[in-house]
Amino acid sequence: MKDSILHVCCPCCRADLEVDADTGIVLSHQVKRPKKPSKDLSKAVAEIRGAEARREESFQKAFAAQKKHEGELEQKFEGLFKRQKGKPVERHVREIDLD
């Protein structure tokens, strides 16, 4: 009977199972308890403030990148506008218009 007992770890809840290989019946089920969070409040506050600083820094980087991108687009538009400013507007002639 000892040879037919399998020790298996559940992929969902990470519990240790003992299963009878012949019948497929679960003989024992031991749930692993999650780690308790640390009780040091100052560490938890420091983590939260650090996360807040990282979010603010990330936001400032994204904001600066967006401003830079807008400036580049504005420069491109101004350059193209100046280049086309003195030229007459040319209309494309379609074959159907020639009839």
C-alpha atoms as a PDB file:
ATOM      1  CA  MET A   1       0.000   0.000   0.000  1.00  0.00           C
ATOM      2  CA  LYS A   2       2.916   2.405   0.685  1.00  0.00           C
ATOM      3  CA  ASP A   3       4.058   2.097  -2.932  1.00  0.00           C
ATOM      4  CA  SER A   4       0.741   3.295  -4.283  1.00  0.00           C
ATOM      5  CA  ILE A   5       0.738   6.629  -2.412  1.00  0.00           C
ATOM      6  CA  LEU A   6       1.791   9.654  -4.446  1.00  0.00           C
ATOM      7  CA  HIS A   7       2.928  12.964  -2.975  1.00  0.00           C
ATOM      8  CA  VAL A   8       1.741  15.770  -5.239  1.00  0.00           C
ATOM      9  CA  CYS A   9       1.823  19.569  -5.073  1.00  0.00           C
ATOM     10  CA  CYS A  10      -1.414  21.209  -6.258  1.00  0.00           C
ATOM     11  CA  PRO A  11      -0.633  23.656  -9.112  1.00  0.00           C
ATOM     12  CA  CYS A  12      -3.474  26.001  -8.102  1.00  0.00           C
ATOM     13  CA  CYS A  13      -3.170  26.412  -4.337  1.00  0.00           C
ATOM     14  CA  ARG A  14       0.309  24.903  -3.793  1.00  0.00           C
ATOM     15  CA  ALA A  15      -1.094  22.485  -1.207  1.00  0.00           C
ATOM     16  CA  ASP A  16       0.653  19.168  -0.503  1.00  0.00           C
ATOM     17  CA  LEU A  17      -1.562  16.218  -1.420  1.00  0.00           C
ATOM     18  CA  GLU A  18      -1.217  12.502  -0.723  1.00  0.00           C
ATOM     19  CA  VAL A  19      -3.105  10.559  -3.376  1.00  0.00           C
ATOM     20  CA  ASP A  20      -3.734   6.827  -3.579  1.00  0.00           C
ATOM     21  CA  ALA A  21      -2.520   5.890  -7.068  1.00  0.00           C
ATOM     22  CA  ASP A  22      -4.800   2.855  -7.341  1.00  0.00           C
ATOM     23  CA  THR A  23      -8.085   4.543  -6.477  1.00  0.00           C
ATOM     24  CA  GLY A  24      -7.297   8.217  -7.133  1.00  0.00           C
ATOM     25  CA  ILE A  25      -8.591   9.219  -3.697  1.00  0.00           C
ATOM     26  CA  VAL A  26      -6.935  12.116  -1.864  1.00  0.00           C
ATOM     27  CA  LEU A  27      -5.724  10.758   1.471  1.00  0.00           C
ATOM     28  CA  SER A  28      -4.433  14.003   2.983  1.00  0.00           C
ATOM     29  CA  HIS A  29      -4.459  17.672   2.085  1.00  0.00           C
ATOM     30  CA  GLN A  30      -2.110  20.172   3.750  1.00  0.00           C
ATOM     31  CA  VAL A  31      -2.477  23.805   2.763  1.00  0.00           C
ATOM     32  CA  LYS A  32       0.638  25.943   2.872  1.00  0.00           C
ATOM     33  CA  ARG A  33      -0.072  29.112   4.781  1.00  0.00           C
ATOM     34  CA  PRO A  34       1.030  32.364   3.120  1.00  0.00           C
ATOM     35  CA  LYS A  35       3.740  34.401   4.785  1.00  0.00           C
ATOM     36  CA  LYS A  36       2.496  36.920   7.273  1.00  0.00           C
ATOM     37  CA  PRO A  37       3.214  40.504   6.327  1.00  0.00           C
ATOM     38  CA  SER A  38       5.891  42.270   8.279  1.00  0.00           C
ATOM     39  CA  LYS A  39       4.607  44.196  11.250  1.00  0.00           C
ATOM     40  CA  ASP A  40       7.098  47.020  10.861  1.00  0.00           C
ATOM     41  CA  LEU A  41       4.929  49.984   9.973  1.00  0.00           C
ATOM     42  CA  SER A  42       7.852  52.267   9.142  1.00  0.00           C
ATOM     43  CA  LYS A  43       9.028  49.875   6.395  1.00  0.00           C
ATOM     44  CA  ALA A  44       5.534  49.739   4.919  1.00  0.00           C
ATOM     45  CA  VAL A  45       5.277  53.546   4.904  1.00  0.00           C
ATOM     46  CA  ALA A  46       8.722  53.824   3.298  1.00  0.00           C
ATOM     47  CA  GLU A  47       7.658  51.396   0.544  1.00  0.00           C
ATOM     48  CA  ILE A  48       4.505  53.383  -0.146  1.00  0.00           C
ATOM     49  CA  ARG A  49       6.376  56.682  -0.289  1.00  0.00           C
ATOM     50  CA  GLY A  50       9.025  55.121  -2.525  1.00  0.00           C
ATOM     51  CA  ALA A  51       6.329  53.863  -4.859  1.00  0.00           C
ATOM     52  CA  GLU A  52       4.750  57.327  -4.877  1.00  0.00           C
ATOM     53  CA  ALA A  53       8.083  58.901  -5.812  1.00  0.00           C
ATOM     54  CA  ARG A  54       8.619  56.348  -8.608  1.00  0.00           C
ATOM     55  CA  ARG A  55       5.134  57.057 -10.009  1.00  0.00           C
ATOM     56  CA  GLU A  56       5.756  60.801  -9.939  1.00  0.00           C
ATOM     57  CA  GLU A  57       9.130  60.384 -11.649  1.00  0.00           C
ATOM     58  CA  SER A  58       7.593  58.161 -14.329  1.00  0.00           C
ATOM     59  CA  PHE A  59       4.822  60.690 -14.898  1.00  0.00           C
ATOM     60  CA  GLN A  60       7.296  63.566 -15.223  1.00  0.00           C
ATOM     61  CA  LYS A  61       9.355  61.600 -17.775  1.00  0.00           C
ATOM     62  CA  ALA A  62       6.264  60.807 -19.843  1.00  0.00           C
ATOM     63  CA  PHE A  63       5.072  64.424 -19.614  1.00  0.00           C
ATOM     64  CA  ALA A  64       8.473  65.752 -20.780  1.00  0.00           C
ATOM     65  CA  ALA A  65       8.556  63.242 -23.651  1.00  0.00           C
ATOM     66  CA  GLN A  66       5.080  64.330 -24.753  1.00  0.00           C
ATOM     67  CA  LYS A  67       6.041  68.008 -24.659  1.00  0.00           C
ATOM     68  CA  LYS A  68       9.181  67.274 -26.686  1.00  0.00           C
ATOM     69  CA  HIS A  69       7.137  65.318 -29.231  1.00  0.00           C
ATOM     70  CA  GLU A  70       4.623  68.164 -29.545  1.00  0.00           C
ATOM     71  CA  GLY A  71       7.478  70.632 -30.109  1.00  0.00           C
ATOM     72  CA  GLU A  72       8.975  68.464 -32.834  1.00  0.00           C
ATOM     73  CA  LEU A  73       5.616  68.168 -34.598  1.00  0.00           C
ATOM     74  CA  GLU A  74       5.108  71.943 -34.355  1.00  0.00           C
ATOM     75  CA  GLN A  75       8.541  72.542 -35.927  1.00  0.00           C
ATOM     76  CA  LYS A  76       7.785  70.130 -38.770  1.00  0.00           C
ATOM     77  CA  PHE A  77       4.451  71.807 -39.408  1.00  0.00           C
ATOM     78  CA  GLU A  78       6.004  75.286 -39.435  1.00  0.00           C
ATOM     79  CA  GLY A  79       8.704  74.137 -41.854  1.00  0.00           C
ATOM     80  CA  LEU A  80       6.202  72.593 -44.248  1.00  0.00           C
ATOM     81  CA  PHE A  81       3.910  75.618 -43.948  1.00  0.00           C
ATOM     82  CA  LYS A  82       6.728  78.039 -44.818  1.00  0.00           C
ATOM     83  CA  ARG A  83       7.754  75.911 -47.780  1.00  0.00           C
ATOM     84  CA  GLN A  84       4.216  75.850 -49.213  1.00  0.00           C
ATOM     85  CA  LYS A  85       3.254  79.440 -48.311  1.00  0.00           C
ATOM     86  CA  GLY A  86       4.213  81.157 -51.608  1.00  0.00           C
ATOM     87  CA  LYS A  87       3.274  78.334 -53.995  1.00  0.00           C
ATOM     88  CA  PRO A  88      -0.065  78.311 -55.790  1.00  0.00           C
ATOM     89  CA  VAL A  89      -2.510  75.544 -55.012  1.00  0.00           C
ATOM     90  CA  GLU A  90      -2.405  72.848 -57.663  1.00  0.00           C
ATOM     91  CA  ARG A  91      -5.481  70.802 -58.263  1.00  0.00           C
ATOM     92  CA  HIS A  92      -5.126  67.258 -59.454  1.00  0.00           C
ATOM     93  CA  VAL A  93      -6.854  66.688 -62.803  1.00  0.00           C
ATOM     94  CA  ARG A  94      -8.851  63.492 -62.902  1.00  0.00           C
ATOM     95  CA  GLU A  95      -9.639  61.652 -66.116  1.00  0.00           C
ATOM     96  CA  ILE A  96     -13.334  62.084 -65.520  1.00  0.00           C
ATOM     97  CA  ASP A  97     -12.898  65.885 -65.443  1.00  0.00           C
ATOM     98  CA  LEU A  98     -11.515  65.882 -68.996  1.00  0.00           C
ATOM     99  CA  ASP A  99     -14.833  64.859 -70.559  1.00  0.00           C
END
